[in-house]
Full PDB file with SEQRES, HELIX, SHEET, SSBOND, CRYST1, ORIGX, SCALE, CONECT and MASTER records, all heavy atoms in Angstrom:
SEQRES   1 A   36  CYS CYS ALA GLY GLY PHE LYS LEU GLY ASN ILE ASN THR          
SEQRES   2 A   36  ASP SER ILE GLU SER ALA LEU SER SER PRO LYS LEU GLN          
SEQRES   3 A   36  LYS VAL ARG GLN SER ILE LYS LYS GLY ILE                      
HELIX    1 AA1 ILE A   16  LEU A   20  1                                   5    
HELIX    2 AA2 PRO A   23  LYS A   33  1                                  11    
CRYST1    1.000    1.000    1.000  90.00  90.00  90.00 P 1           1          
ORIGX1      1.000000  0.000000  0.000000        0.00000                         
ORIGX2      0.000000  1.000000  0.000000        0.00000                         
ORIGX3      0.000000  0.000000  1.000000        0.00000                         
SCALE1      1.000000  0.000000  0.000000        0.00000                         
SCALE2      0.000000  1.000000  0.000000        0.00000                         
SCALE3      0.000000  0.000000  1.000000        0.00000                         
ATOM      1  N   CYS A   1    -124.891 -35.772  -6.713  1.00  0.00           N  
ATOM      2  CA  CYS A   1    -124.085 -34.904  -7.601  1.00  0.00           C  
ATOM      3  C   CYS A   1    -122.659 -35.137  -7.300  1.00  0.00           C  
ATOM      4  O   CYS A   1    -122.300 -35.694  -6.231  1.00  0.00           O  
ATOM      5  CB  CYS A   1    -124.505 -33.455  -7.493  1.00  0.00           C  
ATOM      6  SG  CYS A   1    -123.865 -32.621  -6.019  1.00  0.00           S  
ATOM      7  N   CYS A   2    -121.803 -34.663  -8.177  1.00  0.00           N  
ATOM      8  CA  CYS A   2    -120.364 -34.850  -7.996  1.00  0.00           C  
ATOM      9  C   CYS A   2    -119.791 -34.110  -6.827  1.00  0.00           C  
ATOM     10  O   CYS A   2    -118.662 -34.348  -6.395  1.00  0.00           O  
ATOM     11  CB  CYS A   2    -119.599 -34.540  -9.258  1.00  0.00           C  
ATOM     12  SG  CYS A   2    -119.667 -32.860  -9.764  1.00  0.00           S  
ATOM     13  N   ALA A   3    -120.514 -33.095  -6.297  1.00  0.00           N  
ATOM     14  CA  ALA A   3    -120.049 -32.267  -5.215  1.00  0.00           C  
ATOM     15  C   ALA A   3    -120.559 -32.700  -3.904  1.00  0.00           C  
ATOM     16  O   ALA A   3    -120.278 -32.048  -2.866  1.00  0.00           O  
ATOM     17  CB  ALA A   3    -120.435 -30.832  -5.481  1.00  0.00           C  
ATOM     18  N   GLY A   4    -121.407 -33.745  -3.866  1.00  0.00           N  
ATOM     19  CA  GLY A   4    -121.924 -34.190  -2.588  1.00  0.00           C  
ATOM     20  C   GLY A   4    -120.906 -34.468  -1.518  1.00  0.00           C  
ATOM     21  O   GLY A   4    -119.925 -35.159  -1.791  1.00  0.00           O  
ATOM     22  N   GLY A   5    -121.097 -33.906  -0.348  1.00  0.00           N  
ATOM     23  CA  GLY A   5    -120.083 -33.959   0.715  1.00  0.00           C  
ATOM     24  C   GLY A   5    -119.875 -35.292   1.368  1.00  0.00           C  
ATOM     25  O   GLY A   5    -118.864 -35.531   2.041  1.00  0.00           O  
ATOM     26  N   PHE A   6    -120.802 -36.212   1.198  1.00  0.00           N  
ATOM     27  CA  PHE A   6    -120.599 -37.577   1.734  1.00  0.00           C  
ATOM     28  C   PHE A   6    -121.358 -38.562   0.873  1.00  0.00           C  
ATOM     29  O   PHE A   6    -122.221 -38.227   0.135  1.00  0.00           O  
ATOM     30  CB  PHE A   6    -121.081 -37.670   3.209  1.00  0.00           C  
ATOM     31  CG  PHE A   6    -122.495 -37.191   3.423  1.00  0.00           C  
ATOM     32  CD1 PHE A   6    -123.591 -37.998   3.116  1.00  0.00           C  
ATOM     33  CD2 PHE A   6    -122.703 -35.940   4.013  1.00  0.00           C  
ATOM     34  CE1 PHE A   6    -124.896 -37.573   3.348  1.00  0.00           C  
ATOM     35  CE2 PHE A   6    -124.018 -35.493   4.215  1.00  0.00           C  
ATOM     36  CZ  PHE A   6    -125.107 -36.325   3.908  1.00  0.00           C  
ATOM     37  N   LYS A   7    -120.937 -39.836   0.977  1.00  0.00           N  
ATOM     38  CA  LYS A   7    -121.544 -40.904   0.158  1.00  0.00           C  
ATOM     39  C   LYS A   7    -122.822 -41.367   0.857  1.00  0.00           C  
ATOM     40  O   LYS A   7    -122.865 -41.506   2.062  1.00  0.00           O  
ATOM     41  CB  LYS A   7    -120.542 -42.033  -0.024  1.00  0.00           C  
ATOM     42  CG  LYS A   7    -119.290 -41.622  -0.772  1.00  0.00           C  
ATOM     43  CD  LYS A   7    -118.254 -42.713  -0.796  1.00  0.00           C  
ATOM     44  CE  LYS A   7    -116.980 -42.244  -1.479  1.00  0.00           C  
ATOM     45  NZ  LYS A   7    -115.896 -43.262  -1.425  1.00  0.00           N  
ATOM     46  N   LEU A   8    -123.796 -41.648   0.021  1.00  0.00           N  
ATOM     47  CA  LEU A   8    -125.061 -42.173   0.554  1.00  0.00           C  
ATOM     48  C   LEU A   8    -125.108 -43.659   0.588  1.00  0.00           C  
ATOM     49  O   LEU A   8    -125.997 -44.276   1.223  1.00  0.00           O  
ATOM     50  CB  LEU A   8    -126.190 -41.653  -0.431  1.00  0.00           C  
ATOM     51  CG  LEU A   8    -126.254 -40.163  -0.606  1.00  0.00           C  
ATOM     52  CD1 LEU A   8    -127.180 -39.824  -1.753  1.00  0.00           C  
ATOM     53  CD2 LEU A   8    -126.694 -39.439   0.648  1.00  0.00           C  
ATOM     54  N   GLY A   9    -124.119 -44.277  -0.034  1.00  0.00           N  
ATOM     55  CA  GLY A   9    -124.003 -45.728  -0.071  1.00  0.00           C  
ATOM     56  C   GLY A   9    -122.923 -46.095  -1.064  1.00  0.00           C  
ATOM     57  O   GLY A   9    -122.222 -45.177  -1.603  1.00  0.00           O  
ATOM     58  N   ASN A  10    -122.784 -47.388  -1.348  1.00  0.00           N  
ATOM     59  CA  ASN A  10    -121.788 -47.807  -2.310  1.00  0.00           C  
ATOM     60  C   ASN A  10    -122.390 -48.923  -3.152  1.00  0.00           C  
ATOM     61  O   ASN A  10    -122.984 -49.885  -2.642  1.00  0.00           O  
ATOM     62  CB  ASN A  10    -120.512 -48.271  -1.603  1.00  0.00           C  
ATOM     63  CG  ASN A  10    -119.374 -48.499  -2.588  1.00  0.00           C  
ATOM     64  OD1 ASN A  10    -119.398 -49.403  -3.442  1.00  0.00           O  
ATOM     65  ND2 ASN A  10    -118.312 -47.665  -2.448  1.00  0.00           N  
ATOM     66  N   ILE A  11    -122.249 -48.794  -4.441  1.00  0.00           N  
ATOM     67  CA  ILE A  11    -122.880 -49.701  -5.355  1.00  0.00           C  
ATOM     68  C   ILE A  11    -122.369 -51.125  -5.220  1.00  0.00           C  
ATOM     69  O   ILE A  11    -123.001 -52.099  -5.618  1.00  0.00           O  
ATOM     70  CB  ILE A  11    -122.745 -49.251  -6.808  1.00  0.00           C  
ATOM     71  CG1 ILE A  11    -123.806 -49.920  -7.698  1.00  0.00           C  
ATOM     72  CG2 ILE A  11    -121.330 -49.434  -7.340  1.00  0.00           C  
ATOM     73  CD1 ILE A  11    -123.940 -49.286  -9.064  1.00  0.00           C  
ATOM     74  N   ASN A  12    -121.189 -51.253  -4.603  1.00  0.00           N  
ATOM     75  CA  ASN A  12    -120.615 -52.599  -4.414  1.00  0.00           C  
ATOM     76  C   ASN A  12    -121.337 -53.352  -3.266  1.00  0.00           C  
ATOM     77  O   ASN A  12    -121.285 -54.579  -3.181  1.00  0.00           O  
ATOM     78  CB  ASN A  12    -119.120 -52.434  -4.042  1.00  0.00           C  
ATOM     79  CG  ASN A  12    -118.283 -51.930  -5.181  1.00  0.00           C  
ATOM     80  OD1 ASN A  12    -118.361 -52.494  -6.277  1.00  0.00           O  
ATOM     81  ND2 ASN A  12    -117.564 -50.863  -4.952  1.00  0.00           N  
ATOM     82  N   THR A  13    -122.001 -52.623  -2.360  1.00  0.00           N  
ATOM     83  CA  THR A  13    -122.681 -53.235  -1.273  1.00  0.00           C  
ATOM     84  C   THR A  13    -124.163 -52.881  -1.095  1.00  0.00           C  
ATOM     85  O   THR A  13    -124.897 -53.552  -0.397  1.00  0.00           O  
ATOM     86  CB  THR A  13    -121.966 -52.840   0.070  1.00  0.00           C  
ATOM     87  OG1 THR A  13    -121.899 -51.435   0.162  1.00  0.00           O  
ATOM     88  CG2 THR A  13    -120.550 -53.424   0.117  1.00  0.00           C  
ATOM     89  N   ASP A  14    -124.602 -51.770  -1.794  1.00  0.00           N  
ATOM     90  CA  ASP A  14    -125.975 -51.301  -1.628  1.00  0.00           C  
ATOM     91  C   ASP A  14    -126.630 -51.216  -3.004  1.00  0.00           C  
ATOM     92  O   ASP A  14    -125.995 -51.077  -3.999  1.00  0.00           O  
ATOM     93  CB  ASP A  14    -125.924 -49.924  -0.964  1.00  0.00           C  
ATOM     94  CG  ASP A  14    -125.113 -49.872   0.318  1.00  0.00           C  
ATOM     95  OD1 ASP A  14    -125.446 -50.662   1.211  1.00  0.00           O  
ATOM     96  OD2 ASP A  14    -124.169 -49.046   0.397  1.00  0.00           O  
ATOM     97  N   SER A  15    -127.943 -51.199  -2.937  1.00  0.00           N  
ATOM     98  CA  SER A  15    -128.680 -50.871  -4.131  1.00  0.00           C  
ATOM     99  C   SER A  15    -128.752 -49.364  -4.309  1.00  0.00           C  
ATOM    100  O   SER A  15    -128.640 -48.655  -3.325  1.00  0.00           O  
ATOM    101  CB  SER A  15    -130.110 -51.407  -4.053  1.00  0.00           C  
ATOM    102  OG  SER A  15    -130.908 -50.748  -3.119  1.00  0.00           O  
ATOM    103  N   ILE A  16    -128.921 -48.957  -5.559  1.00  0.00           N  
ATOM    104  CA  ILE A  16    -129.001 -47.494  -5.826  1.00  0.00           C  
ATOM    105  C   ILE A  16    -130.273 -46.963  -5.133  1.00  0.00           C  
ATOM    106  O   ILE A  16    -130.239 -45.870  -4.528  1.00  0.00           O  
ATOM    107  CB  ILE A  16    -129.051 -47.243  -7.319  1.00  0.00           C  
ATOM    108  CG1 ILE A  16    -127.720 -47.683  -7.959  1.00  0.00           C  
ATOM    109  CG2 ILE A  16    -129.272 -45.706  -7.574  1.00  0.00           C  
ATOM    110  CD1 ILE A  16    -127.702 -47.539  -9.495  1.00  0.00           C  
ATOM    111  N   GLU A  17    -131.306 -47.720  -5.185  1.00  0.00           N  
ATOM    112  CA  GLU A  17    -132.589 -47.298  -4.582  1.00  0.00           C  
ATOM    113  C   GLU A  17    -132.493 -47.072  -3.067  1.00  0.00           C  
ATOM    114  O   GLU A  17    -132.952 -46.051  -2.566  1.00  0.00           O  
ATOM    115  CB  GLU A  17    -133.687 -48.336  -4.822  1.00  0.00           C  
ATOM    116  CG  GLU A  17    -134.128 -48.450  -6.274  1.00  0.00           C  
ATOM    117  CD  GLU A  17    -133.228 -49.384  -7.149  1.00  0.00           C  
ATOM    118  OE1 GLU A  17    -132.177 -49.841  -6.645  1.00  0.00           O  
ATOM    119  OE2 GLU A  17    -133.566 -49.569  -8.323  1.00  0.00           O  
ATOM    120  N   SER A  18    -131.756 -47.962  -2.372  1.00  0.00           N  
ATOM    121  CA  SER A  18    -131.643 -47.813  -0.943  1.00  0.00           C  
ATOM    122  C   SER A  18    -130.764 -46.598  -0.576  1.00  0.00           C  
ATOM    123  O   SER A  18    -131.050 -45.904   0.393  1.00  0.00           O  
ATOM    124  CB  SER A  18    -131.059 -49.063  -0.279  1.00  0.00           C  
ATOM    125  OG  SER A  18    -129.661 -49.249  -0.741  1.00  0.00           O  
ATOM    126  N   ALA A  19    -129.775 -46.315  -1.373  1.00  0.00           N  
ATOM    127  CA  ALA A  19    -128.915 -45.157  -1.138  1.00  0.00           C  
ATOM    128  C   ALA A  19    -129.700 -43.828  -1.304  1.00  0.00           C  
ATOM    129  O   ALA A  19    -129.590 -42.909  -0.508  1.00  0.00           O  
ATOM    130  CB  ALA A  19    -127.706 -45.174  -2.075  1.00  0.00           C  
ATOM    131  N   LEU A  20    -130.515 -43.811  -2.353  1.00  0.00           N  
ATOM    132  CA  LEU A  20    -131.275 -42.591  -2.626  1.00  0.00           C  
ATOM    133  C   LEU A  20    -132.519 -42.367  -1.697  1.00  0.00           C  
ATOM    134  O   LEU A  20    -133.085 -41.337  -1.732  1.00  0.00           O  
ATOM    135  CB  LEU A  20    -131.771 -42.591  -4.102  1.00  0.00           C  
ATOM    136  CG  LEU A  20    -130.621 -42.562  -5.150  1.00  0.00           C  
ATOM    137  CD1 LEU A  20    -131.172 -42.702  -6.568  1.00  0.00           C  
ATOM    138  CD2 LEU A  20    -129.767 -41.323  -5.044  1.00  0.00           C  
ATOM    139  N   SER A  21    -132.786 -43.417  -0.923  1.00  0.00           N  
ATOM    140  CA  SER A  21    -133.862 -43.277   0.040  1.00  0.00           C  
ATOM    141  C   SER A  21    -133.295 -43.342   1.459  1.00  0.00           C  
ATOM    142  O   SER A  21    -134.070 -43.472   2.426  1.00  0.00           O  
ATOM    143  CB  SER A  21    -134.929 -44.364  -0.144  1.00  0.00           C  
ATOM    144  OG  SER A  21    -134.375 -45.664   0.037  1.00  0.00           O  
ATOM    145  N   SER A  22    -132.010 -43.151   1.605  1.00  0.00           N  
ATOM    146  CA  SER A  22    -131.371 -43.245   2.955  1.00  0.00           C  
ATOM    147  C   SER A  22    -131.771 -42.119   3.838  1.00  0.00           C  
ATOM    148  O   SER A  22    -132.105 -41.027   3.384  1.00  0.00           O  
ATOM    149  CB  SER A  22    -129.818 -43.238   2.744  1.00  0.00           C  
ATOM    150  OG  SER A  22    -129.383 -42.002   2.314  1.00  0.00           O  
ATOM    151  N   PRO A  23    -131.775 -42.377   5.142  1.00  0.00           N  
ATOM    152  CA  PRO A  23    -132.103 -41.295   6.114  1.00  0.00           C  
ATOM    153  C   PRO A  23    -131.184 -40.088   5.949  1.00  0.00           C  
ATOM    154  O   PRO A  23    -131.645 -38.969   6.174  1.00  0.00           O  
ATOM    155  CB  PRO A  23    -131.874 -42.043   7.485  1.00  0.00           C  
ATOM    156  CG  PRO A  23    -132.126 -43.473   7.166  1.00  0.00           C  
ATOM    157  CD  PRO A  23    -131.558 -43.708   5.794  1.00  0.00           C  
ATOM    158  N   LYS A  24    -129.921 -40.340   5.620  1.00  0.00           N  
ATOM    159  CA  LYS A  24    -128.998 -39.188   5.466  1.00  0.00           C  
ATOM    160  C   LYS A  24    -129.449 -38.255   4.346  1.00  0.00           C  
ATOM    161  O   LYS A  24    -129.401 -37.022   4.502  1.00  0.00           O  
ATOM    162  CB  LYS A  24    -127.576 -39.689   5.110  1.00  0.00           C  
ATOM    163  CG  LYS A  24    -126.873 -40.384   6.290  1.00  0.00           C  
ATOM    164  CD  LYS A  24    -125.399 -40.622   6.064  1.00  0.00           C  
ATOM    165  CE  LYS A  24    -125.146 -41.519   4.910  1.00  0.00           C  
ATOM    166  NZ  LYS A  24    -123.727 -41.832   4.764  1.00  0.00           N  
ATOM    167  N   LEU A  25    -129.893 -38.851   3.212  1.00  0.00           N  
ATOM    168  CA  LEU A  25    -130.361 -37.959   2.147  1.00  0.00           C  
ATOM    169  C   LEU A  25    -131.709 -37.348   2.413  1.00  0.00           C  
ATOM    170  O   LEU A  25    -131.999 -36.206   2.057  1.00  0.00           O  
ATOM    171  CB  LEU A  25    -130.381 -38.757   0.830  1.00  0.00           C  
ATOM    172  CG  LEU A  25    -130.732 -37.977  -0.444  1.00  0.00           C  
ATOM    173  CD1 LEU A  25    -129.773 -36.801  -0.634  1.00  0.00           C  
ATOM    174  CD2 LEU A  25    -130.751 -38.864  -1.640  1.00  0.00           C  
ATOM    175  N   GLN A  26    -132.584 -38.054   3.119  1.00  0.00           N  
ATOM    176  CA  GLN A  26    -133.844 -37.495   3.523  1.00  0.00           C  
ATOM    177  C   GLN A  26    -133.626 -36.292   4.436  1.00  0.00           C  
ATOM    178  O   GLN A  26    -134.375 -35.260   4.334  1.00  0.00           O  
ATOM    179  CB  GLN A  26    -134.684 -38.534   4.229  1.00  0.00           C  
ATOM    180  CG  GLN A  26    -135.195 -39.588   3.247  1.00  0.00           C  
ATOM    181  CD  GLN A  26    -136.068 -40.652   3.929  1.00  0.00           C  
ATOM    182  OE1 GLN A  26    -136.105 -40.757   5.167  1.00  0.00           O  
ATOM    183  NE2 GLN A  26    -136.794 -41.429   3.153  1.00  0.00           N  
ATOM    184  N   LYS A  27    -132.607 -36.331   5.284  1.00  0.00           N  
ATOM    185  CA  LYS A  27    -132.294 -35.206   6.138  1.00  0.00           C  
ATOM    186  C   LYS A  27    -131.825 -34.016   5.295  1.00  0.00           C  
ATOM    187  O   LYS A  27    -132.180 -32.850   5.607  1.00  0.00           O  
ATOM    188  CB  LYS A  27    -131.252 -35.601   7.156  1.00  0.00           C  
ATOM    189  CG  LYS A  27    -130.950 -34.563   8.202  1.00  0.00           C  
ATOM    190  CD  LYS A  27    -129.922 -35.077   9.259  1.00  0.00           C  
ATOM    191  CE  LYS A  27    -129.607 -33.998  10.256  1.00  0.00           C  
ATOM    192  NZ  LYS A  27    -128.635 -34.494  11.269  1.00  0.00           N  
ATOM    193  N   VAL A  28    -131.054 -34.276   4.233  1.00  0.00           N  
ATOM    194  CA  VAL A  28    -130.564 -33.210   3.352  1.00  0.00           C  
ATOM    195  C   VAL A  28    -131.799 -32.569   2.644  1.00  0.00           C  
ATOM    196  O   VAL A  28    -131.910 -31.344   2.599  1.00  0.00           O  
ATOM    197  CB  VAL A  28    -129.636 -33.758   2.283  1.00  0.00           C  
ATOM    198  CG1 VAL A  28    -129.340 -32.747   1.206  1.00  0.00           C  
ATOM    199  CG2 VAL A  28    -128.302 -34.175   2.911  1.00  0.00           C  
ATOM    200  N   ARG A  29    -132.737 -33.389   2.221  1.00  0.00           N  
ATOM    201  CA  ARG A  29    -133.919 -32.874   1.523  1.00  0.00           C  
ATOM    202  C   ARG A  29    -134.749 -32.003   2.519  1.00  0.00           C  
ATOM    203  O   ARG A  29    -135.249 -30.951   2.125  1.00  0.00           O  
ATOM    204  CB  ARG A  29    -134.781 -34.009   0.996  1.00  0.00           C  
ATOM    205  CG  ARG A  29    -134.101 -34.827  -0.139  1.00  0.00           C  
ATOM    206  CD  ARG A  29    -135.024 -35.830  -0.719  1.00  0.00           C  
ATOM    207  NE  ARG A  29    -134.362 -36.714  -1.677  1.00  0.00           N  
ATOM    208  CZ  ARG A  29    -134.254 -38.031  -1.516  1.00  0.00           C  
ATOM    209  NH1 ARG A  29    -134.776 -38.661  -0.496  1.00  0.00           N  
ATOM    210  NH2 ARG A  29    -133.613 -38.706  -2.443  1.00  0.00           N  
ATOM    211  N   GLN A  30    -134.853 -32.492   3.720  1.00  0.00           N  
ATOM    212  CA  GLN A  30    -135.683 -31.707   4.715  1.00  0.00           C  
ATOM    213  C   GLN A  30    -135.060 -30.340   4.975  1.00  0.00           C  
ATOM    214  O   GLN A  30    -135.772 -29.365   5.081  1.00  0.00           O  
ATOM    215  CB  GLN A  30    -135.768 -32.507   5.977  1.00  0.00           C  
ATOM    216  CG  GLN A  30    -136.645 -33.741   5.881  1.00  0.00           C  
ATOM    217  CD  GLN A  30    -136.465 -34.732   6.992  1.00  0.00           C  
ATOM    218  OE1 GLN A  30    -135.711 -34.465   7.958  1.00  0.00           O  
ATOM    219  NE2 GLN A  30    -137.112 -35.896   6.923  1.00  0.00           N  
ATOM    220  N   SER A  31    -133.753 -30.303   4.971  1.00  0.00           N  
ATOM    221  CA  SER A  31    -133.063 -29.019   5.222  1.00  0.00           C  
ATOM    222  C   SER A  31    -133.261 -28.087   4.020  1.00  0.00           C  
ATOM    223  O   SER A  31    -133.554 -26.886   4.198  1.00  0.00           O  
ATOM    224  CB  SER A  31    -131.591 -29.271   5.463  1.00  0.00           C  
ATOM    225  OG  SER A  31    -130.866 -28.026   5.587  1.00  0.00           O  
ATOM    226  N   ILE A  32    -133.100 -28.627   2.833  1.00  0.00           N  
ATOM    227  CA  ILE A  32    -133.270 -27.800   1.612  1.00  0.00           C  
ATOM    228  C   ILE A  32    -134.679 -27.280   1.445  1.00  0.00           C  
ATOM    229  O   ILE A  32    -134.922 -26.155   0.985  1.00  0.00           O  
ATOM    230  CB  ILE A  32    -132.743 -28.611   0.358  1.00  0.00           C  
ATOM    231  CG1 ILE A  32    -131.257 -28.817   0.416  1.00  0.00           C  
ATOM    232  CG2 ILE A  32    -133.167 -27.874  -0.919  1.00  0.00           C  
ATOM    233  CD1 ILE A  32    -130.668 -29.635  -0.674  1.00  0.00           C  
ATOM    234  N   LYS A  33    -135.655 -28.087   1.870  1.00  0.00           N  
ATOM    235  CA  LYS A  33    -137.057 -27.663   1.810  1.00  0.00           C  
ATOM    236  C   LYS A  33    -137.277 -26.477   2.708  1.00  0.00           C  
ATOM    237  O   LYS A  33    -138.219 -25.648   2.466  1.00  0.00           O  
ATOM    238  CB  LYS A  33    -137.953 -28.806   2.190  1.00  0.00           C  
ATOM    239  CG  LYS A  33    -138.157 -29.844   1.085  1.00  0.00           C  
ATOM    240  CD  LYS A  33    -138.871 -31.084   1.559  1.00  0.00           C  
ATOM    241  CE  LYS A  33    -140.351 -30.764   1.960  1.00  0.00           C  
ATOM    242  NZ  LYS A  33    -141.033 -32.000   2.339  1.00  0.00           N  
ATOM    243  N   LYS A  34    -136.453 -26.273   3.703  1.00  0.00           N  
ATOM    244  CA  LYS A  34    -136.508 -25.094   4.599  1.00  0.00           C  
ATOM    245  C   LYS A  34    -135.748 -23.928   4.031  1.00  0.00           C  
ATOM    246  O   LYS A  34    -135.654 -22.865   4.662  1.00  0.00           O  
ATOM    247  CB  LYS A  34    -136.028 -25.459   5.960  1.00  0.00           C  
ATOM    248  CG  LYS A  34    -136.804 -26.499   6.701  1.00  0.00           C  
ATOM    249  CD  LYS A  34    -136.170 -26.899   8.049  1.00  0.00           C  
ATOM    250  CE  LYS A  34    -136.937 -28.028   8.720  1.00  0.00           C  
ATOM    251  NZ  LYS A  34    -136.297 -28.459   9.976  1.00  0.00           N  
ATOM    252  N   GLY A  35    -135.096 -24.135   2.851  1.00  0.00           N  
ATOM    253  CA  GLY A  35    -134.352 -23.058   2.217  1.00  0.00           C  
ATOM    254  C   GLY A  35    -132.897 -23.024   2.666  1.00  0.00           C  
ATOM    255  O   GLY A  35    -132.224 -21.997   2.464  1.00  0.00           O  
ATOM    256  N   ILE A  36    -132.415 -24.106   3.251  1.00  0.00           N  
ATOM    257  CA  ILE A  36    -131.056 -24.102   3.773  1.00  0.00           C  
ATOM    258  C   ILE A  36    -130.204 -25.226   3.197  1.00  0.00           C  
ATOM    259  O   ILE A  36    -130.608 -26.412   3.215  1.00  0.00           O  
ATOM    260  CB  ILE A  36    -131.111 -24.321   5.334  1.00  0.00           C  
ATOM    261  CG1 ILE A  36    -131.843 -23.115   5.989  1.00  0.00           C  
ATOM    262  CG2 ILE A  36    -129.657 -24.382   5.906  1.00  0.00           C  
ATOM    263  CD1 ILE A  36    -132.129 -23.307   7.455  1.00  0.00           C  
TER     264      ILE A  36                                                      
MASTER        0    0    0    2    0    0    0    6  263    1    0    3          
END                                                                             
């Protein structure tokens, strides 16, 4: 989203798929699943 606090990757060097499956984003999802 446009408010995301950090970049998950860059389209100039990464695939969109790899950015959206990155460990950083998985950690975000895990936190949100806990309600945080």
